[in-house]
Protein backbone atom coordinates (compact mmCIF):
# COMPACT_ATOMS: atom_id res chain seq x y z
CA MET A 1 -28.05 5.09 -7.15
CA ASP A 2 -25.06 4.66 -4.59
CA PRO A 3 -25.08 7.59 -2.13
CA ASP A 4 -21.42 7.66 -2.16
CA ASP A 5 -21.22 8.34 -5.90
CA ASP A 6 -23.69 11.04 -5.38
CA ALA A 7 -21.34 12.51 -2.93
CA VAL A 8 -18.45 12.51 -5.15
CA ARG A 9 -20.38 13.88 -7.83
CA ASN A 10 -21.90 16.68 -5.74
CA LEU A 11 -18.10 17.33 -4.52
CA ARG A 12 -17.05 17.55 -8.24
CA VAL A 13 -19.53 20.17 -9.36
CA ALA A 14 -18.78 22.17 -6.29
CA PHE A 15 -15.21 22.18 -6.95
CA ASP A 16 -16.24 23.28 -10.66
CA ASP A 17 -18.38 26.07 -9.46
CA ALA A 18 -15.74 27.10 -7.01
CA LEU A 19 -13.34 27.65 -10.19
CA GLY A 20 -16.29 29.56 -11.80
CA GLN A 21 -16.29 26.40 -14.50
CA LYS A 22 -19.36 24.51 -15.51
CA PRO A 23 -19.18 20.61 -15.68
CA GLY A 24 -18.82 19.06 -19.18
CA VAL A 25 -22.22 17.26 -18.44
CA GLU A 26 -24.49 18.25 -15.74
CA ARG A 27 -27.04 16.16 -14.33
CA VAL A 28 -30.35 18.17 -14.06
CA VAL A 29 -33.35 15.95 -13.57
CA GLU A 30 -34.29 12.19 -12.74
CA VAL A 31 -37.82 10.69 -13.29
CA ARG A 32 -39.27 7.52 -13.38
CA LEU A 33 -40.41 6.60 -16.83
CA PRO A 34 -42.18 3.25 -17.60
CA THR A 35 -42.19 2.03 -21.16
CA ALA A 36 -43.26 -0.88 -23.28
CA TYR A 37 -40.01 -2.65 -22.28
CA GLY A 38 -40.11 -2.05 -18.46
CA GLU A 39 -39.34 0.65 -16.06
CA PHE A 40 -36.21 2.93 -16.46
CA LEU A 41 -34.92 5.93 -14.72
CA ALA A 42 -34.85 8.67 -17.17
CA VAL A 43 -31.67 10.87 -16.14
CA GLY A 44 -31.51 14.06 -17.95
CA TYR A 45 -28.36 15.79 -18.59
CA LEU A 46 -26.99 19.01 -19.99
CA ASP A 47 -23.73 19.13 -22.03
CA HIS A 48 -22.30 22.65 -21.25
CA ARG A 49 -19.82 22.53 -24.13
CA SER A 50 -22.42 21.71 -26.82
CA GLY A 51 -25.84 22.96 -25.22
CA ILE A 52 -27.15 19.79 -26.10
CA GLU A 53 -29.49 17.92 -23.96
CA GLN A 54 -28.95 14.41 -23.46
CA VAL A 55 -30.62 11.48 -21.66
CA ALA A 56 -29.80 7.96 -20.13
CA LEU A 57 -32.50 5.43 -19.34
CA VAL A 58 -31.26 3.26 -16.27
CA HIS A 59 -32.40 0.32 -15.19
CA GLY A 60 -31.57 -1.50 -11.83
CA ASP A 61 -28.18 -0.84 -9.89
CA VAL A 62 -25.45 0.40 -12.80
CA ALA A 63 -22.76 1.57 -10.65
CA GLY A 64 -19.63 -0.80 -10.68
CA GLU A 65 -18.23 -3.13 -13.47
CA LEU A 66 -19.57 -5.01 -16.43
CA THR A 67 -22.62 -2.63 -16.60
CA LEU A 68 -24.59 -3.83 -20.06
CA ALA A 69 -24.77 -0.38 -21.85
CA ARG A 70 -25.72 0.84 -25.49
CA MET A 71 -24.70 4.14 -26.74
CA HIS A 72 -27.58 4.96 -29.32
CA SER A 73 -26.80 7.61 -31.86
CA GLU A 74 -30.51 9.11 -32.57
CA CYS A 75 -31.83 8.57 -35.69
CA LEU A 76 -35.29 10.22 -36.28
CA THR A 77 -36.18 8.00 -39.14
CA GLY A 78 -35.44 4.73 -37.73
CA ASP A 79 -36.29 5.42 -34.37
CA ALA A 80 -39.47 7.34 -34.28
CA PHE A 81 -40.67 6.42 -37.87
CA ALA A 82 -39.48 2.64 -37.91
CA SER A 83 -37.44 3.30 -41.61
CA THR A 84 -36.26 0.08 -42.92
CA HIS A 85 -33.33 2.14 -44.41
CA CYS A 86 -31.10 1.41 -41.57
CA GLU A 87 -31.36 -1.12 -38.40
CA CYS A 88 -31.48 1.85 -35.64
CA GLY A 89 -34.95 1.41 -34.64
CA ASP A 90 -34.69 -2.73 -34.37
CA GLN A 91 -31.30 -2.07 -32.31
CA LEU A 92 -32.93 0.44 -30.16
CA SER A 93 -35.65 -1.89 -29.08
CA ALA A 94 -33.57 -4.85 -29.00
CA ALA A 95 -31.07 -2.93 -26.53
CA LEU A 96 -34.07 -1.99 -24.31
CA ARG A 97 -35.11 -5.47 -24.23
CA ALA A 98 -31.56 -6.88 -23.26
CA ILE A 99 -31.15 -4.39 -20.49
CA VAL A 100 -34.45 -5.41 -18.86
CA ALA A 101 -33.90 -9.16 -19.35
CA GLU A 102 -30.55 -8.54 -17.88
CA GLY A 103 -31.71 -6.85 -14.55
CA ARG A 104 -29.32 -3.84 -14.81
CA GLY A 105 -28.03 -1.59 -17.66
CA ILE A 106 -27.98 1.99 -19.19
CA LEU A 107 -28.90 3.25 -22.71
CA VAL A 108 -27.63 6.63 -23.39
CA TYR A 109 -29.67 8.34 -26.04
CA LEU A 110 -27.10 10.40 -27.76
CA GLN A 111 -28.72 13.68 -29.50
CA GLY A 112 -26.59 15.38 -31.99
CA HIS A 113 -25.46 12.35 -33.46
CA GLU A 114 -28.39 12.16 -36.43
CA GLY A 115 -26.45 10.82 -39.45
CA ARG A 116 -23.55 9.89 -37.73
CA GLY A 117 -23.19 13.64 -36.78
CA ILE A 118 -24.07 15.48 -40.03
CA GLY A 119 -27.72 16.33 -39.11
CA LEU A 120 -31.13 15.51 -40.00
CA LEU A 121 -31.32 17.52 -43.39
CA ALA A 122 -28.02 16.28 -44.54
CA LYS A 123 -28.99 12.64 -43.76
CA LEU A 124 -32.08 12.99 -45.82
CA GLN A 125 -30.01 14.51 -48.41
CA ALA A 126 -27.42 11.74 -48.14
CA MET A 127 -30.16 9.01 -48.56
CA LYS A 128 -31.47 10.90 -51.74
CA LEU A 129 -27.93 10.32 -53.10
CA GLN A 130 -27.82 6.94 -52.07
CA GLU A 131 -30.96 6.15 -53.98
CA GLY A 132 -29.03 7.35 -56.89
CA GLY A 133 -26.35 4.47 -56.63
CA LEU A 134 -23.86 6.17 -54.08
CA ASP A 135 -23.29 4.23 -50.66
CA THR A 136 -23.54 5.94 -47.26
CA VAL A 137 -20.03 6.70 -47.03
CA GLU A 138 -19.84 7.95 -50.49
CA ALA A 139 -22.99 10.23 -50.23
CA ASN A 140 -21.48 11.94 -47.18
CA ILE A 141 -18.34 12.91 -49.00
CA ALA A 142 -20.23 13.90 -51.97
CA LEU A 143 -21.94 16.58 -49.58
CA GLY A 144 -18.72 17.60 -48.65
CA LEU A 145 -19.35 16.30 -45.03
CA PRO A 146 -17.22 13.87 -42.64
CA VAL A 147 -18.03 10.25 -42.82
CA ASP A 148 -18.60 10.10 -39.18
CA ALA A 149 -18.63 13.29 -36.99
CA ARG A 150 -19.87 11.76 -33.80
CA ASP A 151 -18.21 12.45 -30.51
CA TYR A 152 -18.61 10.23 -27.67
CA GLY A 153 -17.30 12.39 -24.95
CA ALA A 154 -20.72 13.20 -23.17
CA ALA A 155 -21.44 9.79 -23.42
CA ALA A 156 -18.45 8.80 -21.18
CA GLU A 157 -19.17 11.45 -18.82
CA ILE A 158 -22.71 10.33 -18.26
CA LEU A 159 -21.47 6.68 -17.58
CA GLN A 160 -18.96 8.00 -15.26
CA ASP A 161 -21.41 10.37 -13.61
CA LEU A 162 -23.39 7.19 -13.00
CA GLY A 163 -20.76 5.15 -11.35
CA VAL A 164 -20.19 2.80 -14.01
CA ARG A 165 -16.48 1.98 -13.91
CA SER A 166 -16.79 -0.73 -16.98
CA VAL A 167 -19.10 -1.65 -19.66
CA ARG A 168 -20.35 -4.40 -21.86
CA LEU A 169 -21.07 -2.49 -24.77
CA MET A 170 -23.88 -3.37 -27.12
CA SER A 171 -22.61 -2.46 -30.49
CA ASN A 172 -21.10 -3.71 -33.66
CA ASN A 173 -19.03 -0.96 -34.14
CA PRO A 174 -15.43 -1.13 -33.01
CA ARG A 175 -15.03 2.64 -33.68
CA LYS A 176 -17.50 3.17 -30.92
CA ARG A 177 -15.55 0.95 -28.51
CA GLU A 178 -12.09 2.68 -29.15
CA ALA A 179 -14.04 6.12 -28.68
CA LEU A 180 -15.13 5.37 -25.25
CA VAL A 181 -11.94 3.79 -24.25
CA ARG A 182 -10.17 6.87 -25.42
CA HIS A 183 -12.49 9.04 -23.20
CA GLY A 184 -11.68 6.81 -20.18
CA VAL A 185 -14.37 4.09 -20.11
CA ALA A 186 -13.24 0.50 -19.63
CA VAL A 187 -14.96 -1.70 -22.19
CA ALA A 188 -14.89 -5.35 -20.96
CA GLU A 189 -16.68 -6.92 -23.85
CA GLN A 190 -18.30 -5.77 -26.97
CA VAL A 191 -21.75 -7.46 -27.08
CA PRO A 192 -23.10 -7.72 -31.07
CA LEU A 193 -26.35 -6.21 -31.67
CA LEU A 194 -27.07 -8.02 -34.94
CA MET A 195 -30.51 -7.32 -36.82
CA PRO A 196 -31.94 -9.33 -39.62
CA PRO A 197 -31.32 -7.47 -43.04
CA ARG A 198 -34.01 -6.24 -45.07
CA ALA A 199 -34.11 -5.65 -48.97
CA GLU A 200 -34.20 -1.99 -47.95
CA ASN A 201 -30.98 -2.06 -45.98
CA ILE A 202 -28.68 -4.66 -47.32
CA ARG A 203 -26.43 -2.28 -49.23
CA TYR A 204 -26.33 0.18 -46.52
CA LEU A 205 -25.20 -2.61 -43.94
CA ARG A 206 -22.76 -4.09 -46.44
CA ALA A 207 -21.21 -0.59 -46.69
CA LYS A 208 -20.94 -0.39 -42.89
CA ARG A 209 -19.24 -3.33 -42.94
CA GLU A 210 -16.73 -2.75 -45.85
CA ARG A 211 -16.18 0.90 -45.31
CA LEU A 212 -16.56 1.46 -41.71
CA ASP A 213 -15.53 -1.71 -40.19
CA HIS A 214 -18.58 -2.77 -38.32
CA ASP A 215 -18.56 -6.36 -37.15
CA LEU A 216 -21.58 -7.82 -39.20
CA PRO A 217 -20.96 -11.51 -39.38
CA HIS A 218 -24.65 -12.28 -40.35
CA LEU A 219 -24.49 -10.72 -43.63
CA ASP A 220 -22.21 -13.61 -44.90
CA GLY A 221 -24.02 -15.78 -47.32
CA VAL A 222 -27.24 -13.56 -47.16
CA THR A 223 -29.12 -14.40 -50.53
CA GLY A 224 -32.59 -13.32 -51.83
CA LEU A 225 -31.89 -9.46 -50.83
CA SER A 226 -30.82 -7.15 -53.73
């Protein structure tokens, strides 16, 4: 971390304290995190607005421009249990590998984003409705829930706290790019993160492309999957 960036962060925190205000996100702890993909610095944050704990995995010197970055929405079923209903677990692994191969980058793991922000139990209920024929958008609507309730304000503040001025965003979702820009993070490039489709998730991926504007050109001409 650049000492000058730390000085700016500390000054901002001191200013907030003087006004009796808590920052949106507060850096709480940093610790070395060796992983199967490579070594990261795990930087833990507390979002004072929501009370949610967040973590950024940092590899190399990330301050400055054109930092390779992934804003990864938590997905217990995909990330922890390797569910093939979605591509989340594959994307998480691919993003971490890409960051290490690049030599510098950040993955912000966003808790509170389960099921595009509707929570774990509601996501499981939506998956049950998808078994009955609804797509991922229709299922949320049938439950009376938002199609996408995620907010990227905390992610943007984490990037800014780490001294990042612009990112190369690993995402297929243009709405994620728009959200970061809206929160003051410059996105110099959107880097595709395309995972091979499976029989279990092809309907889900097609719904993401057709209903949620995800850029998934690799689905064109896919045959042999139901």
